[in-house]
PDB file of N, CA and C in Angstrom:
ATOM      1  N   MET A   1      -7.928  12.826 -10.441  1.00  0.00           N
ATOM      2  CA  MET A   1      -7.486  14.300 -11.357  1.00  0.00           C
ATOM      3  C   MET A   1      -6.338  14.096 -11.028  1.00  0.00           C
ATOM      4  N   VAL A   2      -5.615  14.718 -12.455  1.00  0.00           N
ATOM      5  CA  VAL A   2      -4.052  14.422 -12.522  1.00  0.00           C
ATOM      6  C   VAL A   2      -3.874  15.792 -13.142  1.00  0.00           C
ATOM      7  N   ASN A   3      -2.615  16.373 -12.510  1.00  0.00           N
ATOM      8  CA  ASN A   3      -2.684  17.672 -13.008  1.00  0.00           C
ATOM      9  C   ASN A   3      -4.266  18.450 -13.693  1.00  0.00           C
ATOM     10  N   GLY A   4      -4.807  18.538 -12.509  1.00  0.00           N
ATOM     11  CA  GLY A   4      -6.124  19.045 -12.677  1.00  0.00           C
ATOM     12  C   GLY A   4      -7.216  19.179 -14.062  1.00  0.00           C
ATOM     13  N   LYS A   5      -6.649  17.409 -14.356  1.00  0.00           N
ATOM     14  CA  LYS A   5      -7.604  16.968 -15.408  1.00  0.00           C
ATOM     15  C   LYS A   5      -7.984  15.698 -14.940  1.00  0.00           C
ATOM     16  N   PRO A   6      -9.587  15.808 -14.939  1.00  0.00           N
ATOM     17  CA  PRO A   6     -10.316  14.646 -14.944  1.00  0.00           C
ATOM     18  C   PRO A   6     -10.496  13.347 -15.152  1.00  0.00           C
ATOM     19  N   PHE A   7     -10.388  12.431 -14.577  1.00  0.00           N
ATOM     20  CA  PHE A   7     -10.229  10.696 -15.191  1.00  0.00           C
ATOM     21  C   PHE A   7     -11.286  10.827 -16.092  1.00  0.00           C
ATOM     22  N   SER A   8     -11.095   9.653 -17.183  1.00  0.00           N
ATOM     23  CA  SER A   8     -11.860   9.471 -17.931  1.00  0.00           C
ATOM     24  C   SER A   8     -12.792   8.470 -17.471  1.00  0.00           C
ATOM     25  N   VAL A   9     -13.777   8.040 -17.909  1.00  0.00           N
ATOM     26  CA  VAL A   9     -14.826   7.426 -17.330  1.00  0.00           C
ATOM     27  C   VAL A   9     -13.927   5.635 -17.061  1.00  0.00           C
ATOM     28  N   GLU A  10     -13.336   5.327 -18.062  1.00  0.00           N
ATOM     29  CA  GLU A  10     -12.594   4.263 -18.587  1.00  0.00           C
ATOM     30  C   GLU A  10     -11.560   3.795 -17.176  1.00  0.00           C
ATOM     31  N   ALA A  11     -10.761   4.866 -17.122  1.00  0.00           N
ATOM     32  CA  ALA A  11      -9.625   5.507 -16.241  1.00  0.00           C
ATOM     33  C   ALA A  11     -10.077   5.070 -15.110  1.00  0.00           C
ATOM     34  N   LEU A  12     -11.405   6.189 -14.668  1.00  0.00           N
ATOM     35  CA  LEU A  12     -11.741   5.765 -13.253  1.00  0.00           C
ATOM     36  C   LEU A  12     -12.154   4.310 -12.602  1.00  0.00           C
ATOM     37  N   SER A  13     -12.944   3.763 -13.624  1.00  0.00           N
ATOM     38  CA  SER A  13     -13.324   2.453 -13.668  1.00  0.00           C
ATOM     39  C   SER A  13     -12.081   1.493 -13.431  1.00  0.00           C
ATOM     40  N   ARG A  14     -11.063   1.701 -13.673  1.00  0.00           N
ATOM     41  CA  ARG A  14      -9.750   0.834 -13.882  1.00  0.00           C
ATOM     42  C   ARG A  14      -9.444   1.093 -12.484  1.00  0.00           C
ATOM     43  N   ILE A  15      -9.340   2.345 -11.993  1.00  0.00           N
ATOM     44  CA  ILE A  15      -8.758   2.564 -10.767  1.00  0.00           C
ATOM     45  C   ILE A  15      -9.779   1.777  -9.140  1.00  0.00           C
ATOM     46  N   VAL A  16     -11.026   2.104  -9.599  1.00  0.00           N
ATOM     47  CA  VAL A  16     -11.770   1.242  -8.462  1.00  0.00           C
ATOM     48  C   VAL A  16     -11.369  -0.062  -8.479  1.00  0.00           C
ATOM     49  N   GLU A  17     -11.514  -0.333  -9.990  1.00  0.00           N
ATOM     50  CA  GLU A  17     -11.280  -2.042 -10.035  1.00  0.00           C
ATOM     51  C   GLU A  17     -10.029  -2.572  -9.366  1.00  0.00           C
ATOM     52  N   MET A  18      -9.055  -1.720  -9.840  1.00  0.00           N
ATOM     53  CA  MET A  18      -7.596  -2.214  -9.081  1.00  0.00           C
ATOM     54  C   MET A  18      -7.284  -2.066  -7.453  1.00  0.00           C
ATOM     55  N   ALA A  19      -8.141  -1.082  -7.240  1.00  0.00           N
ATOM     56  CA  ALA A  19      -8.235  -0.780  -5.566  1.00  0.00           C
ATOM     57  C   ALA A  19      -9.114  -1.988  -4.932  1.00  0.00           C
ATOM     58  N   TRP A  20     -10.204  -2.280  -5.703  1.00  0.00           N
ATOM     59  CA  TRP A  20     -10.633  -3.480  -5.058  1.00  0.00           C
ATOM     60  C   TRP A  20     -10.110  -4.867  -5.049  1.00  0.00           C
ATOM     61  N   GLU A  21      -9.272  -4.698  -6.063  1.00  0.00           N
ATOM     62  CA  GLU A  21      -8.479  -6.356  -5.945  1.00  0.00           C
ATOM     63  C   GLU A  21      -7.866  -6.519  -4.958  1.00  0.00           C
ATOM     64  N   ASP A  22      -7.650  -7.445  -4.234  1.00  0.00           N
ATOM     65  CA  ASP A  22      -6.436  -7.647  -2.892  1.00  0.00           C
ATOM     66  C   ASP A  22      -5.567  -7.920  -3.192  1.00  0.00           C
ATOM     67  N   ARG A  23      -4.928  -8.578  -4.946  1.00  0.00           N
ATOM     68  CA  ARG A  23      -3.514  -8.241  -4.580  1.00  0.00           C
ATOM     69  C   ARG A  23      -2.548  -7.376  -5.365  1.00  0.00           C
ATOM     70  N   THR A  24      -3.793  -6.426  -5.746  1.00  0.00           N
ATOM     71  CA  THR A  24      -3.049  -5.076  -6.502  1.00  0.00           C
ATOM     72  C   THR A  24      -2.673  -3.855  -5.397  1.00  0.00           C
ATOM     73  N   PRO A  25      -1.149  -3.610  -5.615  1.00  0.00           N
ATOM     74  CA  PRO A  25      -0.866  -2.968  -4.634  1.00  0.00           C
ATOM     75  C   PRO A  25      -1.225  -1.292  -4.737  1.00  0.00           C
ATOM     76  N   PHE A  26      -1.493  -0.475  -3.932  1.00  0.00           N
ATOM     77  CA  PHE A  26      -1.426   1.073  -4.001  1.00  0.00           C
ATOM     78  C   PHE A  26      -0.859   1.773  -4.772  1.00  0.00           C
ATOM     79  N   GLU A  27       0.454   1.380  -4.766  1.00  0.00           N
ATOM     80  CA  GLU A  27       1.994   1.571  -5.645  1.00  0.00           C
ATOM     81  C   GLU A  27       1.664   1.248  -7.756  1.00  0.00           C
ATOM     82  N   ALA A  28       0.874   0.123  -7.435  1.00  0.00           N
ATOM     83  CA  ALA A  28       0.509  -0.197  -9.084  1.00  0.00           C
ATOM     84  C   ALA A  28       0.051   0.749  -9.162  1.00  0.00           C
ATOM     85  N   ILE A  29      -1.093   1.343  -8.582  1.00  0.00           N
ATOM     86  CA  ILE A  29      -2.256   2.378  -9.172  1.00  0.00           C
ATOM     87  C   ILE A  29      -1.561   3.363  -9.161  1.00  0.00           C
ATOM     88  N   GLU A  30      -0.632   3.738  -8.524  1.00  0.00           N
ATOM     89  CA  GLU A  30       0.083   4.984  -8.644  1.00  0.00           C
ATOM     90  C   GLU A  30       1.026   5.048  -9.652  1.00  0.00           C
ATOM     91  N   VAL A  31       1.815   3.913  -9.831  1.00  0.00           N
ATOM     92  CA  VAL A  31       2.353   4.062 -11.413  1.00  0.00           C
ATOM     93  C   VAL A  31       1.633   4.442 -12.995  1.00  0.00           C
ATOM     94  N   ASN A  32       0.461   3.651 -12.717  1.00  0.00           N
ATOM     95  CA  ASN A  32      -0.623   3.353 -13.804  1.00  0.00           C
ATOM     96  C   ASN A  32      -1.108   4.615 -13.840  1.00  0.00           C
ATOM     97  N   PHE A  33      -1.824   5.594 -12.853  1.00  0.00           N
ATOM     98  CA  PHE A  33      -2.507   6.634 -12.869  1.00  0.00           C
ATOM     99  C   PHE A  33      -2.136   8.249 -12.442  1.00  0.00           C
ATOM    100  N   GLY A  34      -1.187   7.684 -11.385  1.00  0.00           N
ATOM    101  CA  GLY A  34      -0.597   8.768 -10.962  1.00  0.00           C
ATOM    102  C   GLY A  34      -1.250   9.254  -9.670  1.00  0.00           C
ATOM    103  N   VAL A  35      -2.260   8.428  -8.798  1.00  0.00           N
ATOM    104  CA  VAL A  35      -2.613   8.879  -7.717  1.00  0.00           C
ATOM    105  C   VAL A  35      -2.354   8.027  -6.911  1.00  0.00           C
ATOM    106  N   ASN A  36      -1.789   8.530  -5.505  1.00  0.00           N
ATOM    107  CA  ASN A  36      -1.324   8.075  -3.816  1.00  0.00           C
ATOM    108  C   ASN A  36      -2.238   7.462  -3.519  1.00  0.00           C
ATOM    109  N   GLU A  37      -2.440   6.347  -2.347  1.00  0.00           N
ATOM    110  CA  GLU A  37      -2.903   5.847  -1.499  1.00  0.00           C
ATOM    111  C   GLU A  37      -4.253   6.812  -1.120  1.00  0.00           C
ATOM    112  N   SER A  38      -3.798   7.933  -0.310  1.00  0.00           N
ATOM    113  CA  SER A  38      -4.953   8.853   0.153  1.00  0.00           C
ATOM    114  C   SER A  38      -5.922   9.277  -1.206  1.00  0.00           C
ATOM    115  N   ALA A  39      -5.167   9.339  -2.672  1.00  0.00           N
ATOM    116  CA  ALA A  39      -6.067   9.896  -3.442  1.00  0.00           C
ATOM    117  C   ALA A  39      -7.315   8.839  -3.919  1.00  0.00           C
ATOM    118  N   VAL A  40      -6.412   7.667  -3.764  1.00  0.00           N
ATOM    119  CA  VAL A  40      -7.447   6.036  -4.234  1.00  0.00           C
ATOM    120  C   VAL A  40      -8.607   6.007  -3.118  1.00  0.00           C
ATOM    121  N   ILE A  41      -8.443   6.160  -1.993  1.00  0.00           N
ATOM    122  CA  ILE A  41      -9.397   6.122  -0.748  1.00  0.00           C
ATOM    123  C   ILE A  41     -10.592   7.085  -1.093  1.00  0.00           C
ATOM    124  N   ASN A  42      -9.574   8.494  -1.726  1.00  0.00           N
ATOM    125  CA  ASN A  42     -11.041   9.261  -1.858  1.00  0.00           C
ATOM    126  C   ASN A  42     -12.006   8.940  -3.136  1.00  0.00           C
ATOM    127  N   ILE A  43     -11.027   8.461  -4.199  1.00  0.00           N
ATOM    128  CA  ILE A  43     -11.582   8.359  -5.266  1.00  0.00           C
ATOM    129  C   ILE A  43     -12.779   6.929  -5.046  1.00  0.00           C
ATOM    130  N   MET A  44     -12.685   6.001  -4.138  1.00  0.00           N
ATOM    131  CA  MET A  44     -13.547   4.971  -3.599  1.00  0.00           C
ATOM    132  C   MET A  44     -14.543   5.537  -2.739  1.00  0.00           C
ATOM    133  N   ARG A  45     -14.407   5.984  -1.862  1.00  0.00           N
ATOM    134  CA  ARG A  45     -15.164   6.866  -1.220  1.00  0.00           C
ATOM    135  C   ARG A  45     -16.241   7.722  -2.430  1.00  0.00           C
ATOM    136  N   ALA A  46     -15.817   8.378  -2.795  1.00  0.00           N
ATOM    137  CA  ALA A  46     -16.887   8.911  -4.260  1.00  0.00           C
ATOM    138  C   ALA A  46     -17.729   8.334  -5.119  1.00  0.00           C
ATOM    139  N   GLU A  47     -17.398   6.904  -5.303  1.00  0.00           N
ATOM    140  CA  GLU A  47     -17.568   6.062  -5.966  1.00  0.00           C
ATOM    141  C   GLU A  47     -18.552   4.826  -5.535  1.00  0.00           C
ATOM    142  N   MET A  48     -18.522   4.695  -4.572  1.00  0.00           N
ATOM    143  CA  MET A  48     -18.925   3.554  -2.940  1.00  0.00           C
ATOM    144  C   MET A  48     -20.081   4.210  -2.819  1.00  0.00           C
ATOM    145  N   LYS A  49     -20.842   3.486  -2.649  1.00  0.00           N
ATOM    146  CA  LYS A  49     -22.208   3.276  -1.274  1.00  0.00           C
ATOM    147  C   LYS A  49     -21.194   3.610  -0.053  1.00  0.00           C
ATOM    148  N   PRO A  50     -21.770   4.513   0.946  1.00  0.00           N
ATOM    149  CA  PRO A  50     -20.988   4.434   2.088  1.00  0.00           C
ATOM    150  C   PRO A  50     -20.737   3.170   2.820  1.00  0.00           C
ATOM    151  N   ARG A  51     -21.561   2.256   2.713  1.00  0.00           N
ATOM    152  CA  ARG A  51     -21.379   0.780   3.433  1.00  0.00           C
ATOM    153  C   ARG A  51     -20.614   0.282   2.949  1.00  0.00           C
ATOM    154  N   SER A  52     -20.440  -0.038   1.312  1.00  0.00           N
ATOM    155  CA  SER A  52     -19.258  -0.820   0.273  1.00  0.00           C
ATOM    156  C   SER A  52     -17.937  -0.092   0.615  1.00  0.00           C
ATOM    157  N   PHE A  53     -17.851   1.266   0.811  1.00  0.00           N
ATOM    158  CA  PHE A  53     -16.700   1.685   1.014  1.00  0.00           C
ATOM    159  C   PHE A  53     -16.378   1.560   2.282  1.00  0.00           C
ATOM    160  N   ARG A  54     -16.850   1.365   3.944  1.00  0.00           N
ATOM    161  CA  ARG A  54     -16.480   0.767   5.224  1.00  0.00           C
ATOM    162  C   ARG A  54     -16.005  -0.540   4.922  1.00  0.00           C
ATOM    163  N   LEU A  55     -16.680  -1.262   4.058  1.00  0.00           N
ATOM    164  CA  LEU A  55     -16.298  -2.664   4.326  1.00  0.00           C
ATOM    165  C   LEU A  55     -15.120  -2.721   3.366  1.00  0.00           C
ATOM    166  N   TRP A  56     -14.925  -2.018   2.201  1.00  0.00           N
ATOM    167  CA  TRP A  56     -13.722  -2.136   1.637  1.00  0.00           C
ATOM    168  C   TRP A  56     -12.814  -1.695   2.257  1.00  0.00           C
ATOM    169  N   ARG A  57     -12.618  -0.642   3.036  1.00  0.00           N
ATOM    170  CA  ARG A  57     -11.536   0.082   4.038  1.00  0.00           C
ATOM    171  C   ARG A  57     -10.757  -0.798   4.956  1.00  0.00           C
ATOM    172  N   LYS A  58     -11.969  -1.875   5.565  1.00  0.00           N
ATOM    173  CA  LYS A  58     -11.836  -2.583   6.735  1.00  0.00           C
ATOM    174  C   LYS A  58     -11.262  -3.909   6.236  1.00  0.00           C
ATOM    175  N   ARG A  59     -11.522  -4.031   4.895  1.00  0.00           N
ATOM    176  CA  ARG A  59     -11.036  -5.397   4.306  1.00  0.00           C
ATOM    177  C   ARG A  59      -8.921  -4.812   3.802  1.00  0.00           C
ATOM    178  N   VAL A  60      -9.022  -3.822   3.056  1.00  0.00           N
ATOM    179  CA  VAL A  60      -7.831  -3.422   2.682  1.00  0.00           C
ATOM    180  C   VAL A  60      -6.848  -2.727   3.888  1.00  0.00           C
ATOM    181  N   SER A  61      -7.448  -2.248   4.799  1.00  0.00           N
ATOM    182  CA  SER A  61      -6.282  -1.867   6.134  1.00  0.00           C
ATOM    183  C   SER A  61      -5.621  -3.053   6.618  1.00  0.00           C
ATOM    184  N   SER A  62      -6.051  -4.038   6.242  1.00  0.00           N
ATOM    185  CA  SER A  62      -5.521  -5.642   6.762  1.00  0.00           C
ATOM    186  C   SER A  62      -4.708  -6.291   5.906  1.00  0.00           C
ATOM    187  N   ARG A  63      -4.735  -5.949   4.532  1.00  0.00           N
ATOM    188  CA  ARG A  63      -3.765  -6.605   3.771  1.00  0.00           C
ATOM    189  C   ARG A  63      -2.662  -6.338   3.844  1.00  0.00           C
ATOM    190  N   LYS A  64      -1.599  -6.777   3.849  1.00  0.00           N
ATOM    191  CA  LYS A  64      -0.576  -6.578   3.218  1.00  0.00           C
ATOM    192  C   LYS A  64      -0.015  -6.402   2.139  1.00  0.00           C
ATOM    193  N   THR A  65      -1.284  -7.542   1.416  1.00  0.00           N
ATOM    194  CA  THR A  65      -0.788  -7.306  -0.097  1.00  0.00           C
ATOM    195  C   THR A  65      -0.921  -5.760  -0.961  1.00  0.00           C
ATOM    196  N   LYS A  66      -1.746  -5.400  -0.207  1.00  0.00           N
ATOM    197  CA  LYS A  66      -2.365  -4.086  -0.749  1.00  0.00           C
ATOM    198  C   LYS A  66      -0.886  -2.801  -0.884  1.00  0.00           C
ATOM    199  N   HIS A  67       0.010  -3.340  -0.364  1.00  0.00           N
ATOM    200  CA  HIS A  67       1.562  -2.382  -0.038  1.00  0.00           C
ATOM    201  C   HIS A  67       2.636  -3.448  -0.252  1.00  0.00           C
ATOM    202  N   SER A  68       3.666  -2.613  -1.534  1.00  0.00           N
ATOM    203  CA  SER A  68       4.711  -3.421  -2.067  1.00  0.00           C
ATOM    204  C   SER A  68       5.500  -3.726  -0.683  1.00  0.00           C
ATOM    205  N   ALA A  69       5.490  -2.669  -0.115  1.00  0.00           N
ATOM    206  CA  ALA A  69       6.847  -3.041   1.219  1.00  0.00           C
ATOM    207  C   ALA A  69       6.314  -3.835   2.343  1.00  0.00           C
ATOM    208  N   LEU A  70       5.026  -4.503   2.166  1.00  0.00           N
ATOM    209  CA  LEU A  70       4.586  -5.089   3.391  1.00  0.00           C
ATOM    210  C   LEU A  70       4.463  -6.499   2.692  1.00  0.00           C
ATOM    211  N   ARG A  71       4.478  -6.832   1.319  1.00  0.00           N
ATOM    212  CA  ARG A  71       4.564  -7.803   0.891  1.00  0.00           C
ATOM    213  C   ARG A  71       5.396  -8.844   0.981  1.00  0.00           C
ATOM    214  N   SER A  72       5.056 -10.222   0.724  1.00  0.00           N
ATOM    215  CA  SER A  72       5.702 -11.129   1.536  1.00  0.00           C
ATOM    216  C   SER A  72       6.559 -11.346  -0.148  1.00  0.00           C
ATOM    217  N   PRO A  73       7.877 -11.346  -0.286  1.00  0.00           N
ATOM    218  CA  PRO A  73       8.710 -11.755  -1.425  1.00  0.00           C
ATOM    219  C   PRO A  73       7.957 -13.090  -2.293  1.00  0.00           C
ATOM    220  N   ASP A  74       7.417 -13.784  -1.739  1.00  0.00           N
ATOM    221  CA  ASP A  74       6.693 -14.640  -2.783  1.00  0.00           C
ATOM    222  C   ASP A  74       6.019 -14.372  -3.772  1.00  0.00           C
ATOM    223  N   VAL A  75       5.076 -13.127  -3.341  1.00  0.00           N
ATOM    224  CA  VAL A  75       4.096 -12.517  -4.094  1.00  0.00           C
ATOM    225  C   VAL A  75       4.515 -11.817  -5.066  1.00  0.00           C
ATOM    226  N   SER A  76       4.753 -12.411  -6.464  1.00  0.00           N
ATOM    227  CA  SER A  76       5.333 -11.509  -7.147  1.00  0.00           C
ATOM    228  C   SER A  76       4.545 -11.024  -8.609  1.00  0.00           C
ATOM    229  N   ARG A  77       3.058 -11.146  -8.560  1.00  0.00           N
ATOM    230  CA  ARG A  77       2.366 -11.035  -9.271  1.00  0.00           C
ATOM    231  C   ARG A  77       1.094  -9.778  -8.416  1.00  0.00           C
ATOM    232  N   GLY A  78       0.156  -8.829  -9.281  1.00  0.00           N
ATOM    233  CA  GLY A  78      -0.688  -8.327  -9.019  1.00  0.00           C
ATOM    234  C   GLY A  78      -1.995  -8.572  -8.990  1.00  0.00           C
ATOM    235  N   TYR A  79      -2.271 -10.113  -9.093  1.00  0.00           N
ATOM    236  CA  TYR A  79      -3.187 -10.468  -9.957  1.00  0.00           C
ATOM    237  C   TYR A  79      -3.602 -11.754  -9.407  1.00  0.00           C
ATOM    238  N   CYS A  80      -4.964 -12.290  -9.562  1.00  0.00           N
ATOM    239  CA  CYS A  80      -5.305 -13.858  -9.754  1.00  0.00           C
ATOM    240  C   CYS A  80      -4.503 -14.681 -10.906  1.00  0.00           C
ATOM    241  N   PRO A  81      -3.903 -15.668 -11.114  1.00  0.00           N
ATOM    242  CA  PRO A  81      -3.974 -16.121 -12.242  1.00  0.00           C
ATOM    243  C   PRO A  81      -4.677 -16.636 -13.470  1.00  0.00           C
ATOM    244  N   THR A  82      -6.284 -17.183 -12.731  1.00  0.00           N
ATOM    245  CA  THR A  82      -7.457 -16.983 -13.392  1.00  0.00           C
ATOM    246  C   THR A  82      -8.101 -15.556 -13.459  1.00  0.00           C
ATOM    247  N   GLN A  83      -7.594 -14.245 -13.303  1.00  0.00           N
ATOM    248  CA  GLN A  83      -8.215 -13.600 -13.618  1.00  0.00           C
ATOM    249  C   GLN A  83      -8.375 -12.928 -15.046  1.00  0.00           C
ATOM    250  N   TYR A  84      -7.515 -13.066 -15.592  1.00  0.00           N
ATOM    251  CA  TYR A  84      -7.281 -12.699 -16.996  1.00  0.00           C
ATOM    252  C   TYR A  84      -7.085 -14.015 -17.899  1.00  0.00           C
ATOM    253  N   LYS A  85      -8.199 -14.485 -17.622  1.00  0.00           N
ATOM    254  CA  LYS A  85      -8.916 -15.872 -18.957  1.00  0.00           C
ATOM    255  C   LYS A  85      -8.767 -15.332 -19.860  1.00  0.00           C
ATOM    256  N   GLN A  86      -8.175 -16.273 -20.981  1.00  0.00           N
ATOM    257  CA  GLN A  86      -7.716 -16.376 -22.598  1.00  0.00           C
ATOM    258  C   GLN A  86      -9.332 -17.200 -23.086  1.00  0.00           C
ATOM    259  N   LYS A  87      -9.795 -16.389 -24.003  1.00  0.00           N
ATOM    260  CA  LYS A  87     -10.876 -16.902 -24.384  1.00  0.00           C
ATOM    261  C   LYS A  87     -10.700 -18.059 -25.602  1.00  0.00           C
TER     262      LYS A  87
END
């Protein structure tokens, strides 16, 4: 929800997808959708099964790539080169 308006199904799906990706920083989600890290965590908690959410939190908590400030300067993109394949 941004400015009191709920997200569309497509936007919510994309937020969850971006949060799930290890190389997409929370800052990129905030730029695109206006939700900070704690809001993304709340969205993930609401959209995922409890066990899946716990596994995601455990994995994301140890990822330096999920925070732009902690990233290595060698990481210049937020996705895997094979993620967006051209047909």
